């Protein structure tokens, strides 16, 4: 083999080994999160009435407020949101009220709450929107930026009304 061909093969092999190493590292870092997500999906199917799942969200807001929320469809093909409470050890809570399932039609969908946010906060940039739990209520948790400030606002899942005052994050 020519010297140039050897260097090309060594370079390609090195890049492939680097990519393999990055993939293995990413898998190692994400393993616990993926495991939690699988447990939440299983709990939502077993206790929340879902037969198929869509999006999953992790919501942590304060102590003893660690939830995975799973969207999906029930046996009647109706859209549902299922809140699965987790312990601080990142396993589902073992109690009757740890999994709570709600028909999406009895609350605000993501599209409906987005419309409301655009009306309530014109010009604000939505950084993150996810379902969660706040003050023992199902909510849509909004992180937004407006006029150079970042803040959080919580909208009640049931009717879309804001809960409490906005939480403004101090500028750093």
N, C-alpha and C. Protein backbone atom coordinates (compact mmCIF):
# COMPACT_ATOMS: atom_id res chain seq x y z
N UNK A 1 0.84 -1.19 0.00
CA UNK A 1 0.00 0.00 0.00
C UNK A 1 0.88 1.24 0.00
N UNK A 2 0.34 2.24 -0.64
CA UNK A 2 1.08 3.49 -0.67
C UNK A 2 0.93 4.19 0.66
N UNK A 3 1.89 5.03 0.92
CA UNK A 3 1.90 5.76 2.19
C UNK A 3 0.65 6.65 2.34
N UNK A 4 0.22 7.27 1.26
CA UNK A 4 -0.95 8.15 1.30
C UNK A 4 -2.22 7.36 1.64
N UNK A 5 -2.36 6.17 1.09
CA UNK A 5 -3.52 5.32 1.34
C UNK A 5 -3.56 4.89 2.81
N UNK A 6 -2.40 4.57 3.37
CA UNK A 6 -2.34 4.18 4.78
C UNK A 6 -2.81 5.32 5.68
N UNK A 7 -2.39 6.55 5.38
CA UNK A 7 -2.79 7.70 6.20
C UNK A 7 -4.30 7.96 6.09
N UNK A 8 -4.82 7.77 4.90
CA UNK A 8 -6.27 7.96 4.72
C UNK A 8 -7.03 6.91 5.54
N UNK A 9 -6.62 5.65 5.46
CA UNK A 9 -7.27 4.59 6.22
C UNK A 9 -7.14 4.83 7.73
N UNK A 10 -5.97 5.24 8.18
CA UNK A 10 -5.78 5.53 9.61
C UNK A 10 -6.65 6.71 10.05
N UNK A 11 -6.76 7.73 9.22
CA UNK A 11 -7.59 8.90 9.56
C UNK A 11 -9.06 8.53 9.64
N UNK A 12 -9.54 7.77 8.67
CA UNK A 12 -10.94 7.34 8.68
C UNK A 12 -11.20 6.46 9.89
N UNK A 13 -10.28 5.54 10.19
CA UNK A 13 -10.43 4.67 11.37
C UNK A 13 -10.46 5.49 12.65
N UNK A 14 -9.61 6.49 12.74
CA UNK A 14 -9.58 7.35 13.92
C UNK A 14 -10.87 8.12 14.11
N UNK A 15 -11.42 8.65 13.01
CA UNK A 15 -12.69 9.39 13.09
C UNK A 15 -13.81 8.45 13.51
N UNK A 16 -13.84 7.24 12.95
CA UNK A 16 -14.88 6.27 13.32
C UNK A 16 -14.77 5.86 14.79
N UNK A 17 -13.55 5.67 15.29
CA UNK A 17 -13.37 5.35 16.70
C UNK A 17 -13.81 6.51 17.60
N UNK A 18 -13.52 7.73 17.18
CA UNK A 18 -13.95 8.91 17.94
C UNK A 18 -15.48 8.98 17.99
N UNK A 19 -16.14 8.76 16.85
CA UNK A 19 -17.60 8.78 16.81
C UNK A 19 -18.21 7.67 17.66
N UNK A 20 -17.61 6.49 17.64
CA UNK A 20 -18.06 5.39 18.48
C UNK A 20 -17.92 5.75 19.96
N UNK A 21 -16.80 6.34 20.31
CA UNK A 21 -16.59 6.76 21.70
C UNK A 21 -17.60 7.80 22.15
N UNK A 22 -17.91 8.77 21.28
CA UNK A 22 -18.91 9.77 21.61
C UNK A 22 -20.29 9.14 21.79
N UNK A 23 -20.64 8.19 20.93
CA UNK A 23 -21.93 7.51 21.04
C UNK A 23 -22.00 6.73 22.36
N UNK A 24 -20.96 6.03 22.71
CA UNK A 24 -20.95 5.26 23.96
C UNK A 24 -21.05 6.20 25.18
N UNK A 25 -20.37 7.31 25.13
CA UNK A 25 -20.44 8.28 26.23
C UNK A 25 -21.85 8.85 26.35
N UNK A 26 -22.46 9.24 25.23
CA UNK A 26 -23.82 9.77 25.24
C UNK A 26 -24.81 8.75 25.80
N UNK A 27 -24.68 7.50 25.37
CA UNK A 27 -25.56 6.43 25.86
C UNK A 27 -25.39 6.24 27.36
N UNK A 28 -24.17 6.32 27.84
CA UNK A 28 -23.90 6.17 29.27
C UNK A 28 -24.53 7.32 30.07
N UNK A 29 -24.40 8.53 29.58
CA UNK A 29 -24.94 9.70 30.28
C UNK A 29 -26.47 9.66 30.29
N UNK A 30 -27.09 9.26 29.21
CA UNK A 30 -28.55 9.30 29.08
C UNK A 30 -29.25 8.05 29.60
N UNK A 31 -28.51 7.03 29.99
CA UNK A 31 -29.08 5.75 30.41
C UNK A 31 -30.13 5.91 31.51
N UNK A 32 -29.83 6.67 32.55
CA UNK A 32 -30.76 6.83 33.66
C UNK A 32 -32.03 7.57 33.24
N UNK A 33 -31.89 8.60 32.41
CA UNK A 33 -33.05 9.34 31.94
C UNK A 33 -33.94 8.45 31.07
N UNK A 34 -33.34 7.69 30.18
CA UNK A 34 -34.12 6.79 29.34
C UNK A 34 -34.82 5.73 30.17
N UNK A 35 -34.16 5.26 31.22
CA UNK A 35 -34.76 4.26 32.10
C UNK A 35 -35.98 4.85 32.83
N UNK A 36 -35.84 6.07 33.35
CA UNK A 36 -36.97 6.75 34.00
C UNK A 36 -38.13 6.90 33.02
N UNK A 37 -37.82 7.32 31.81
CA UNK A 37 -38.86 7.52 30.81
C UNK A 37 -39.59 6.21 30.52
N UNK A 38 -38.85 5.11 30.41
CA UNK A 38 -39.48 3.80 30.18
C UNK A 38 -40.39 3.43 31.34
N UNK A 39 -39.93 3.68 32.58
CA UNK A 39 -40.76 3.38 33.76
C UNK A 39 -42.03 4.22 33.76
N UNK A 40 -41.91 5.49 33.36
CA UNK A 40 -43.10 6.37 33.30
C UNK A 40 -44.07 5.88 32.23
N UNK A 41 -43.57 5.49 31.09
CA UNK A 41 -44.44 4.97 30.03
C UNK A 41 -45.14 3.70 30.48
N UNK A 42 -44.39 2.80 31.11
CA UNK A 42 -44.99 1.56 31.61
C UNK A 42 -46.07 1.84 32.65
N UNK A 43 -45.80 2.76 33.57
CA UNK A 43 -46.79 3.10 34.60
C UNK A 43 -48.02 3.75 33.97
N UNK A 44 -47.81 4.59 32.94
CA UNK A 44 -48.95 5.25 32.30
C UNK A 44 -49.81 4.25 31.54
N UNK A 45 -49.22 3.21 31.03
CA UNK A 45 -49.99 2.17 30.35
C UNK A 45 -50.67 1.25 31.36
N UNK A 46 -49.96 0.91 32.42
CA UNK A 46 -50.49 -0.04 33.40
C UNK A 46 -51.56 0.59 34.28
N UNK A 47 -51.34 1.82 34.75
CA UNK A 47 -52.26 2.45 35.72
C UNK A 47 -52.98 3.67 35.18
N UNK A 48 -52.54 4.20 34.04
CA UNK A 48 -53.13 5.43 33.52
C UNK A 48 -54.05 5.24 32.33
N UNK A 49 -54.20 4.01 31.89
CA UNK A 49 -55.15 3.72 30.83
C UNK A 49 -54.68 4.01 29.41
N UNK A 50 -53.41 4.28 29.21
CA UNK A 50 -52.92 4.53 27.85
C UNK A 50 -52.66 3.21 27.13
N UNK A 51 -52.98 3.18 25.85
CA UNK A 51 -52.64 2.02 25.02
C UNK A 51 -51.54 2.40 24.02
N UNK A 52 -51.43 3.70 23.72
CA UNK A 52 -50.32 4.17 22.89
C UNK A 52 -49.84 5.50 23.48
N UNK A 53 -48.56 5.75 23.31
CA UNK A 53 -48.00 6.96 23.91
C UNK A 53 -47.45 7.87 22.83
N UNK A 54 -47.41 9.16 23.18
CA UNK A 54 -46.85 10.17 22.30
C UNK A 54 -45.65 10.81 22.96
N UNK A 55 -45.79 12.07 23.30
CA UNK A 55 -44.69 12.81 23.92
C UNK A 55 -44.56 12.46 25.41
N UNK A 56 -43.33 12.59 25.90
CA UNK A 56 -43.08 12.47 27.33
C UNK A 56 -42.35 13.72 27.78
N UNK A 57 -42.63 14.13 29.00
CA UNK A 57 -42.04 15.34 29.56
C UNK A 57 -41.60 15.03 30.99
N UNK A 58 -40.48 15.59 31.40
CA UNK A 58 -40.05 15.49 32.79
C UNK A 58 -40.20 16.86 33.43
N UNK A 59 -40.88 16.90 34.55
CA UNK A 59 -41.13 18.16 35.24
C UNK A 59 -40.69 18.02 36.69
N UNK A 60 -39.76 18.86 37.10
CA UNK A 60 -39.32 18.90 38.49
C UNK A 60 -39.44 20.34 38.94
N UNK A 61 -40.27 20.57 39.95
CA UNK A 61 -40.44 21.92 40.47
C UNK A 61 -40.53 21.85 41.98
N UNK A 62 -39.42 22.03 42.65
CA UNK A 62 -39.38 22.03 44.11
C UNK A 62 -39.25 20.61 44.66
N UNK A 63 -39.21 20.56 45.99
CA UNK A 63 -39.08 19.28 46.67
C UNK A 63 -40.36 18.48 46.52
N UNK A 64 -40.23 17.18 46.45
CA UNK A 64 -41.36 16.26 46.38
C UNK A 64 -42.28 16.61 45.21
N UNK A 65 -41.72 17.08 44.13
CA UNK A 65 -42.51 17.47 42.97
C UNK A 65 -41.78 17.04 41.69
N UNK A 66 -41.58 15.73 41.57
CA UNK A 66 -40.84 15.14 40.48
C UNK A 66 -41.82 14.29 39.67
N UNK A 67 -42.16 14.73 38.46
CA UNK A 67 -43.16 14.05 37.64
C UNK A 67 -42.65 13.80 36.23
N UNK A 68 -43.12 12.71 35.67
CA UNK A 68 -43.05 12.48 34.24
C UNK A 68 -44.48 12.58 33.75
N UNK A 69 -44.70 13.28 32.65
CA UNK A 69 -46.02 13.40 32.06
C UNK A 69 -45.96 12.74 30.69
N UNK A 70 -46.92 11.85 30.46
CA UNK A 70 -46.95 11.08 29.22
C UNK A 70 -48.27 11.37 28.51
N UNK A 71 -48.18 11.75 27.25
CA UNK A 71 -49.40 11.95 26.46
C UNK A 71 -49.62 10.71 25.61
N UNK A 72 -50.88 10.46 25.30
CA UNK A 72 -51.18 9.30 24.47
C UNK A 72 -52.66 9.11 24.29
N UNK A 73 -53.02 7.93 23.83
CA UNK A 73 -54.43 7.59 23.58
C UNK A 73 -54.84 6.41 24.44
N UNK A 74 -56.11 6.44 24.88
CA UNK A 74 -56.65 5.34 25.67
C UNK A 74 -57.34 4.33 24.76
N UNK A 75 -57.98 3.32 25.35
CA UNK A 75 -58.62 2.26 24.56
C UNK A 75 -59.77 2.77 23.70
N UNK A 76 -60.34 3.92 24.06
CA UNK A 76 -61.42 4.53 23.26
C UNK A 76 -60.89 5.53 22.24
N UNK A 77 -59.56 5.53 22.05
CA UNK A 77 -58.87 6.42 21.12
C UNK A 77 -59.03 7.91 21.48
N UNK A 78 -59.18 8.17 22.77
CA UNK A 78 -59.25 9.55 23.25
C UNK A 78 -57.88 9.97 23.76
N UNK A 79 -57.54 11.24 23.51
CA UNK A 79 -56.26 11.78 23.96
C UNK A 79 -56.27 11.95 25.47
N UNK A 80 -55.19 11.52 26.11
CA UNK A 80 -55.04 11.62 27.56
C UNK A 80 -53.66 12.17 27.89
N UNK A 81 -53.59 12.76 29.09
CA UNK A 81 -52.31 13.14 29.69
C UNK A 81 -52.24 12.38 31.01
N UNK A 82 -51.10 11.75 31.27
CA UNK A 82 -50.93 10.96 32.48
C UNK A 82 -49.74 11.50 33.26
N UNK A 83 -49.97 11.87 34.53
CA UNK A 83 -48.93 12.35 35.41
C UNK A 83 -48.47 11.19 36.27
N UNK A 84 -47.17 10.89 36.22
CA UNK A 84 -46.58 9.81 37.00
C UNK A 84 -45.61 10.43 37.99
N UNK A 85 -45.91 10.31 39.28
CA UNK A 85 -45.05 10.89 40.31
C UNK A 85 -43.86 9.97 40.57
N UNK A 86 -42.68 10.58 40.71
CA UNK A 86 -41.45 9.84 40.99
C UNK A 86 -40.89 10.27 42.34
N UNK A 87 -40.13 9.37 42.95
CA UNK A 87 -39.45 9.69 44.20
C UNK A 87 -38.16 10.44 43.91
N UNK A 88 -37.49 10.87 44.98
CA UNK A 88 -36.19 11.52 44.81
C UNK A 88 -35.13 10.54 44.30
N UNK A 89 -35.42 9.24 44.42
CA UNK A 89 -34.51 8.20 43.91
C UNK A 89 -34.82 7.85 42.45
N UNK A 90 -35.72 8.64 41.82
CA UNK A 90 -36.06 8.50 40.41
C UNK A 90 -36.69 7.16 40.05
N UNK A 91 -37.62 6.73 40.91
CA UNK A 91 -38.47 5.58 40.62
C UNK A 91 -39.92 6.00 40.86
N UNK A 92 -40.87 5.40 40.15
CA UNK A 92 -42.26 5.80 40.37
C UNK A 92 -42.70 5.55 41.82
N UNK A 93 -43.49 6.47 42.34
CA UNK A 93 -44.02 6.34 43.70
C UNK A 93 -44.98 5.15 43.71
N UNK A 94 -44.90 4.35 44.76
CA UNK A 94 -45.74 3.16 44.87
C UNK A 94 -46.95 3.48 45.75
N UNK A 95 -47.96 4.12 45.15
CA UNK A 95 -49.21 4.40 45.86
C UNK A 95 -50.34 4.55 44.86
N UNK A 96 -51.55 4.55 45.37
CA UNK A 96 -52.73 4.59 44.49
C UNK A 96 -52.83 5.90 43.71
N UNK A 97 -52.39 7.00 44.29
CA UNK A 97 -52.54 8.30 43.61
C UNK A 97 -51.27 8.75 42.90
N UNK A 98 -50.31 7.85 42.71
CA UNK A 98 -49.05 8.21 42.07
C UNK A 98 -49.20 8.40 40.56
N UNK A 99 -50.21 7.77 39.97
CA UNK A 99 -50.47 7.91 38.54
C UNK A 99 -51.86 8.50 38.38
N UNK A 100 -51.92 9.66 37.73
CA UNK A 100 -53.20 10.33 37.54
C UNK A 100 -53.39 10.61 36.06
N UNK A 101 -54.53 10.16 35.55
CA UNK A 101 -54.82 10.26 34.12
C UNK A 101 -55.98 11.23 33.91
N UNK A 102 -55.82 12.11 32.90
CA UNK A 102 -56.83 13.12 32.62
C UNK A 102 -57.08 13.15 31.11
N UNK A 103 -58.35 13.20 30.73
CA UNK A 103 -58.69 13.37 29.32
C UNK A 103 -58.22 14.75 28.87
N UNK A 104 -57.57 14.80 27.73
CA UNK A 104 -57.09 16.07 27.21
C UNK A 104 -58.25 17.02 26.93
N UNK A 105 -59.39 16.47 26.55
CA UNK A 105 -60.56 17.31 26.26
C UNK A 105 -61.10 18.01 27.50
N UNK A 106 -60.73 17.54 28.69
CA UNK A 106 -61.18 18.20 29.92
C UNK A 106 -60.22 19.31 30.35
N UNK A 107 -59.19 19.52 29.58
CA UNK A 107 -58.21 20.56 29.89
C UNK A 107 -57.79 21.31 28.64
N UNK A 108 -56.67 21.98 28.75
CA UNK A 108 -56.14 22.79 27.65
C UNK A 108 -55.06 21.99 26.91
N UNK A 109 -55.19 21.89 25.60
CA UNK A 109 -54.17 21.23 24.81
C UNK A 109 -52.96 22.17 24.67
N UNK A 110 -51.87 21.63 24.17
CA UNK A 110 -50.67 22.44 23.97
C UNK A 110 -50.95 23.58 22.99
N UNK A 111 -51.69 23.29 21.92
CA UNK A 111 -52.01 24.33 20.93
C UNK A 111 -52.88 25.42 21.55
N UNK A 112 -53.85 25.04 22.37
CA UNK A 112 -54.73 26.03 23.01
C UNK A 112 -53.94 26.91 23.97
N UNK A 113 -53.05 26.31 24.74
CA UNK A 113 -52.29 27.10 25.72
C UNK A 113 -51.29 28.00 25.00
N UNK A 114 -50.75 27.55 23.86
CA UNK A 114 -49.85 28.40 23.09
C UNK A 114 -50.58 29.64 22.57
N UNK A 115 -51.82 29.46 22.10
CA UNK A 115 -52.62 30.60 21.66
C UNK A 115 -52.84 31.58 22.81
N UNK A 116 -53.15 31.04 23.97
CA UNK A 116 -53.38 31.90 25.14
C UNK A 116 -52.11 32.64 25.54
N UNK A 117 -50.98 31.97 25.48
CA UNK A 117 -49.70 32.61 25.85
C UNK A 117 -49.42 33.77 24.90
N UNK A 118 -49.64 33.56 23.62
CA UNK A 118 -49.40 34.64 22.65
C UNK A 118 -50.31 35.83 22.90
N UNK A 119 -51.52 35.58 23.39
CA UNK A 119 -52.43 36.67 23.75
C UNK A 119 -52.01 37.36 25.05
N UNK A 120 -51.59 36.55 26.06
CA UNK A 120 -51.22 37.09 27.37
C UNK A 120 -49.88 37.82 27.34
N UNK A 121 -48.94 37.28 26.57
CA UNK A 121 -47.58 37.82 26.55
C UNK A 121 -47.15 38.13 25.12
N UNK A 122 -47.76 39.13 24.49
CA UNK A 122 -47.39 39.43 23.11
C UNK A 122 -45.91 39.84 23.03
N UNK A 123 -45.23 39.29 22.07
CA UNK A 123 -43.82 39.63 21.89
C UNK A 123 -42.86 38.81 22.72
N UNK A 124 -43.38 38.00 23.63
CA UNK A 124 -42.50 37.17 24.47
C UNK A 124 -42.00 35.97 23.66
N UNK A 125 -40.80 35.54 23.97
CA UNK A 125 -40.21 34.36 23.34
C UNK A 125 -40.41 33.18 24.27
N UNK A 126 -41.05 32.15 23.77
CA UNK A 126 -41.26 30.94 24.57
C UNK A 126 -39.98 30.12 24.54
N UNK A 127 -39.40 29.92 25.71
CA UNK A 127 -38.18 29.13 25.82
C UNK A 127 -38.50 27.65 26.03
N UNK A 128 -39.57 27.40 26.81
CA UNK A 128 -39.93 26.02 27.11
C UNK A 128 -41.37 25.99 27.60
N UNK A 129 -42.11 24.99 27.16
CA UNK A 129 -43.48 24.79 27.61
C UNK A 129 -43.67 23.30 27.83
N UNK A 130 -44.05 22.93 29.05
CA UNK A 130 -44.27 21.53 29.34
C UNK A 130 -45.32 21.37 30.42
N UNK A 131 -46.02 20.24 30.41
CA UNK A 131 -46.98 19.98 31.48
C UNK A 131 -46.24 19.57 32.74
N UNK A 132 -46.81 19.88 33.87
CA UNK A 132 -46.19 19.51 35.14
C UNK A 132 -47.18 19.65 36.28
N UNK A 133 -46.63 19.79 37.47
CA UNK A 133 -47.43 19.94 38.67
C UNK A 133 -46.89 21.14 39.43
N UNK A 134 -47.80 22.01 39.89
CA UNK A 134 -47.42 23.20 40.64
C UNK A 134 -48.51 23.46 41.66
N UNK A 135 -48.12 23.59 42.92
CA UNK A 135 -49.05 23.81 44.02
C UNK A 135 -50.19 22.79 43.98
N UNK A 136 -49.81 21.53 43.79
CA UNK A 136 -50.74 20.39 43.76
C UNK A 136 -51.81 20.50 42.69
N UNK A 137 -51.51 21.17 41.59
CA UNK A 137 -52.43 21.27 40.45
C UNK A 137 -51.69 20.90 39.18
N UNK A 138 -52.43 20.29 38.25
CA UNK A 138 -51.88 20.03 36.93
C UNK A 138 -51.74 21.36 36.21
N UNK A 139 -50.58 21.57 35.60
CA UNK A 139 -50.30 22.87 34.97
C UNK A 139 -49.57 22.70 33.65
N UNK A 140 -49.56 23.80 32.91
CA UNK A 140 -48.62 24.01 31.82
C UNK A 140 -47.58 24.98 32.36
N UNK A 141 -46.33 24.56 32.37
CA UNK A 141 -45.24 25.38 32.89
C UNK A 141 -44.55 26.07 31.72
N UNK A 142 -44.57 27.38 31.76
CA UNK A 142 -43.99 28.19 30.69
C UNK A 142 -42.72 28.86 31.19
N UNK A 143 -41.64 28.72 30.43
CA UNK A 143 -40.45 29.53 30.64
C UNK A 143 -40.40 30.46 29.43
N UNK A 144 -40.29 31.76 29.70
CA UNK A 144 -40.34 32.73 28.61
C UNK A 144 -39.31 33.81 28.82
N UNK A 145 -39.08 34.59 27.76
CA UNK A 145 -38.22 35.76 27.84
C UNK A 145 -38.98 36.93 27.24
N UNK A 146 -39.01 38.02 27.99
CA UNK A 146 -39.72 39.21 27.53
C UNK A 146 -39.01 40.44 28.07
N UNK A 147 -38.75 41.39 27.20
CA UNK A 147 -38.08 42.64 27.58
C UNK A 147 -36.76 42.39 28.31
N UNK A 148 -36.00 41.41 27.85
CA UNK A 148 -34.69 41.13 28.43
C UNK A 148 -34.72 40.37 29.74
N UNK A 149 -35.88 39.96 30.20
CA UNK A 149 -35.98 39.20 31.44
C UNK A 149 -36.56 37.83 31.15
N UNK A 150 -36.08 36.84 31.91
CA UNK A 150 -36.62 35.49 31.82
C UNK A 150 -37.54 35.25 33.00
N UNK A 151 -38.58 34.49 32.76
CA UNK A 151 -39.50 34.20 33.84
C UNK A 151 -40.24 32.89 33.61
N UNK A 152 -40.95 32.49 34.66
CA UNK A 152 -41.81 31.32 34.62
C UNK A 152 -43.23 31.76 34.90
N UNK A 153 -44.16 31.13 34.22
CA UNK A 153 -45.58 31.35 34.49
C UNK A 153 -46.24 29.98 34.42
N UNK A 154 -47.18 29.77 35.32
CA UNK A 154 -47.89 28.49 35.37
C UNK A 154 -49.36 28.72 35.01
N UNK A 155 -49.84 27.90 34.08
CA UNK A 155 -51.23 27.95 33.66
C UNK A 155 -51.93 26.67 34.11
N UNK A 156 -53.05 26.81 34.75
CA UNK A 156 -53.83 25.66 35.20
C UNK A 156 -54.22 24.82 33.97
N UNK A 157 -53.94 23.54 34.03
CA UNK A 157 -54.23 22.64 32.91
C UNK A 157 -55.73 22.60 32.61
N UNK A 158 -56.54 22.62 33.65
CA UNK A 158 -57.98 22.46 33.49
C UNK A 158 -58.61 23.59 32.69
N UNK A 159 -58.25 24.85 33.01
CA UNK A 159 -58.95 25.97 32.37
C UNK A 159 -58.02 27.02 31.76
N UNK A 160 -56.71 26.87 31.91
CA UNK A 160 -55.77 27.81 31.32
C UNK A 160 -55.56 29.10 32.08
N UNK A 161 -56.13 29.20 33.28
CA UNK A 161 -55.93 30.41 34.07
C UNK A 161 -54.55 30.39 34.72
N UNK A 162 -53.87 31.56 34.76
CA UNK A 162 -52.57 31.62 35.42
C UNK A 162 -52.71 31.34 36.91
N UNK A 163 -51.69 30.71 37.48
CA UNK A 163 -51.66 30.44 38.91
C UNK A 163 -50.59 31.33 39.53
N UNK A 164 -50.97 32.16 40.47
CA UNK A 164 -50.01 33.02 41.18
C UNK A 164 -49.37 34.05 40.25
N UNK A 165 -48.29 34.61 40.75
CA UNK A 165 -47.54 35.62 40.00
C UNK A 165 -46.41 34.96 39.23
N UNK A 166 -45.93 35.66 38.21
CA UNK A 166 -44.78 35.15 37.46
C UNK A 166 -43.55 35.09 38.36
N UNK A 167 -42.71 34.14 38.10
CA UNK A 167 -41.43 34.02 38.82
C UNK A 167 -40.37 34.54 37.86
N UNK A 168 -39.78 35.69 38.21
CA UNK A 168 -38.78 36.31 37.35
C UNK A 168 -37.40 35.86 37.80
N UNK A 169 -36.60 35.43 36.84
CA UNK A 169 -35.23 34.98 37.11
C UNK A 169 -34.32 36.19 37.06
N UNK A 170 -33.55 36.43 38.12
CA UNK A 170 -32.66 37.60 38.10
C UNK A 170 -31.62 37.48 36.99
N UNK A 171 -31.30 38.62 36.38
CA UNK A 171 -30.26 38.64 35.36
C UNK A 171 -28.92 38.39 36.01
N UNK A 172 -28.06 37.70 35.29
CA UNK A 172 -26.74 37.39 35.87
C UNK A 172 -25.70 38.31 35.35
